[in-house]
């Protein structure tokens, strides 16, 4: 009879530990949503910058098509990203304005980049895009420190 009590108590104890661990993992994932929402915006811009640095490898038609695809990718992400910032009001208050400003800056500069006709205009638009991208990366580093909680199970 005593063995059954220990077995039942052991099973209940293990069940409680598993439930608590799963809850902790859910909380960690929930806390990471705002950061990933911020990070997602920079993804297509990083690809445009990478593409610009290697655009000598492409023909004009192929280059235009790839830029249009990247522009569509940015538009799609820009319209849908940022929802994760609404998870908590204090996160929204702290990060949304800068995120929204960067989103608008990226959109305007990317449009200028796509519309350039001369190599000088192209290079100028690239430099402006790179500058805003680098500033946004610094913002992301700060946000990562604030929003990403370390997983204590990995320490």
Protein backbone atom coordinates (compact mmCIF):
# COMPACT_ATOMS: atom_id res chain seq x y z
CA UNK A 1 0.00 0.00 0.00
CA UNK A 2 2.83 2.41 0.86
CA UNK A 3 4.51 1.69 -2.48
CA UNK A 4 1.36 2.72 -4.33
CA UNK A 5 1.22 5.99 -2.42
CA UNK A 6 4.83 6.76 -3.38
CA UNK A 7 4.17 5.86 -7.00
CA UNK A 8 1.07 8.06 -7.15
CA UNK A 9 2.84 10.95 -5.40
CA UNK A 10 5.81 10.53 -7.77
CA UNK A 11 3.56 10.60 -10.86
CA UNK A 12 1.75 13.68 -9.56
CA UNK A 13 5.08 15.38 -8.78
CA UNK A 14 6.48 14.64 -12.24
CA UNK A 15 3.25 15.87 -13.83
CA UNK A 16 3.45 19.15 -11.90
CA UNK A 17 7.09 19.64 -12.94
CA UNK A 18 6.26 18.98 -16.60
CA UNK A 19 3.33 21.42 -16.52
CA UNK A 20 5.48 24.10 -14.89
CA UNK A 21 8.24 23.60 -17.46
CA UNK A 22 5.76 23.87 -20.36
CA UNK A 23 4.31 27.03 -18.81
CA UNK A 24 7.78 28.51 -18.52
CA UNK A 25 8.54 27.72 -22.18
CA UNK A 26 5.26 29.34 -23.24
CA UNK A 27 6.11 32.48 -21.27
CA UNK A 28 9.57 32.64 -22.89
CA UNK A 29 8.07 32.28 -26.37
CA UNK A 30 5.41 34.88 -25.62
CA UNK A 31 8.04 37.38 -24.45
CA UNK A 32 10.02 36.89 -27.68
CA UNK A 33 7.11 37.79 -29.99
CA UNK A 34 7.68 41.58 -29.84
CA UNK A 35 11.38 41.25 -30.65
CA UNK A 36 10.78 38.95 -33.60
CA UNK A 37 8.13 41.36 -34.83
CA UNK A 38 10.72 44.16 -34.78
CA UNK A 39 13.41 41.99 -36.34
CA UNK A 40 11.18 40.84 -39.17
CA UNK A 41 10.94 44.36 -40.63
CA UNK A 42 14.70 44.52 -41.27
CA UNK A 43 14.86 41.18 -43.09
CA UNK A 44 13.93 42.34 -46.63
CA UNK A 45 16.01 45.51 -46.28
CA UNK A 46 19.03 43.40 -45.39
CA UNK A 47 18.39 41.36 -48.52
CA UNK A 48 18.18 44.54 -50.64
CA UNK A 49 21.51 45.72 -49.23
CA UNK A 50 23.08 42.32 -49.86
CA UNK A 51 21.61 42.33 -53.37
CA UNK A 52 23.05 45.80 -54.06
CA UNK A 53 26.51 44.68 -53.03
CA UNK A 54 26.31 41.79 -55.53
CA UNK A 55 24.17 43.35 -58.27
CA UNK A 56 27.00 43.24 -60.83
CA UNK A 57 26.31 39.52 -61.13
CA UNK A 58 22.84 40.07 -62.64
CA UNK A 59 21.45 41.25 -65.95
CA UNK A 60 19.23 44.36 -65.96
CA UNK A 61 15.97 42.42 -66.41
CA UNK A 62 16.88 39.89 -63.76
CA UNK A 63 17.98 42.69 -61.42
CA UNK A 64 14.68 44.56 -61.84
CA UNK A 65 12.67 41.40 -61.26
CA UNK A 66 14.59 40.54 -58.11
CA UNK A 67 14.19 44.08 -56.79
CA UNK A 68 10.46 43.96 -57.46
CA UNK A 69 10.25 40.67 -55.56
CA UNK A 70 12.15 42.20 -52.63
CA UNK A 71 9.87 45.22 -52.73
CA UNK A 72 6.79 42.97 -52.58
CA UNK A 73 8.38 41.08 -49.69
CA UNK A 74 9.01 44.34 -47.84
CA UNK A 75 5.47 45.57 -48.50
CA UNK A 76 3.95 42.34 -47.23
CA UNK A 77 6.07 42.28 -44.10
CA UNK A 78 5.60 46.00 -43.50
CA UNK A 79 1.83 45.64 -43.63
CA UNK A 80 1.72 42.65 -41.29
CA UNK A 81 4.68 43.01 -38.93
CA UNK A 82 4.41 45.00 -35.74
CA UNK A 83 1.40 43.16 -34.38
CA UNK A 84 3.63 41.55 -31.78
CA UNK A 85 4.28 44.97 -30.29
CA UNK A 86 0.69 45.12 -29.09
CA UNK A 87 1.14 42.24 -26.65
CA UNK A 88 1.79 44.64 -23.76
CA UNK A 89 1.08 48.36 -23.52
CA UNK A 90 4.50 49.26 -22.08
CA UNK A 91 6.25 47.46 -24.96
CA UNK A 92 4.02 49.26 -27.43
CA UNK A 93 4.74 52.62 -25.81
CA UNK A 94 8.48 52.05 -25.76
CA UNK A 95 9.08 50.56 -29.21
CA UNK A 96 6.21 51.30 -31.57
CA UNK A 97 7.09 54.89 -32.49
CA UNK A 98 10.66 54.05 -33.47
CA UNK A 99 9.49 50.92 -35.28
CA UNK A 100 6.87 52.90 -37.20
CA UNK A 101 9.37 55.64 -38.09
CA UNK A 102 11.84 53.05 -39.38
CA UNK A 103 9.10 51.35 -41.36
CA UNK A 104 8.18 54.65 -43.02
CA UNK A 105 11.84 55.52 -43.67
CA UNK A 106 12.49 52.10 -45.18
CA UNK A 107 9.45 52.43 -47.44
CA UNK A 108 10.37 55.90 -48.72
CA UNK A 109 14.04 55.11 -49.28
CA UNK A 110 13.27 51.74 -50.87
CA UNK A 111 10.88 53.46 -53.26
CA UNK A 112 13.62 55.97 -54.17
CA UNK A 113 16.08 53.11 -54.58
CA UNK A 114 13.72 51.32 -56.96
CA UNK A 115 13.10 54.50 -58.99
CA UNK A 116 16.73 55.49 -59.50
CA UNK A 117 17.92 55.86 -63.06
CA UNK A 118 21.56 56.89 -62.82
CA UNK A 119 24.34 55.04 -61.00
CA UNK A 120 24.92 58.12 -58.81
CA UNK A 121 21.27 58.20 -57.70
CA UNK A 122 21.39 54.47 -57.16
CA UNK A 123 24.46 54.73 -54.95
CA UNK A 124 23.01 57.67 -53.03
CA UNK A 125 19.77 55.79 -52.34
CA UNK A 126 21.80 52.74 -51.29
CA UNK A 127 23.80 54.80 -48.80
CA UNK A 128 20.62 56.28 -47.32
CA UNK A 129 19.06 52.82 -47.05
CA UNK A 130 22.21 51.40 -45.44
CA UNK A 131 22.33 54.27 -42.94
CA UNK A 132 18.73 53.77 -41.81
CA UNK A 133 19.28 50.00 -41.73
CA UNK A 134 22.35 50.38 -39.50
CA UNK A 135 20.46 52.70 -37.13
CA UNK A 136 17.63 50.16 -36.97
CA UNK A 137 20.12 47.39 -36.19
CA UNK A 138 21.33 49.41 -33.17
CA UNK A 139 17.70 49.80 -32.09
CA UNK A 140 17.25 46.03 -32.47
CA UNK A 141 20.29 45.34 -30.28
CA UNK A 142 18.77 47.47 -27.51
CA UNK A 143 15.38 45.80 -27.97
CA UNK A 144 16.99 42.37 -27.84
CA UNK A 145 18.57 43.17 -24.48
CA UNK A 146 15.23 44.37 -23.14
CA UNK A 147 12.85 41.84 -24.65
CA UNK A 148 14.68 38.54 -25.01
CA UNK A 149 14.74 36.70 -21.73
CA UNK A 150 17.52 34.16 -21.27
CA UNK A 151 16.36 30.57 -21.02
CA UNK A 152 17.46 29.45 -17.54
CA UNK A 153 17.32 25.81 -18.60
CA UNK A 154 20.27 26.46 -20.94
CA UNK A 155 22.46 28.08 -18.29
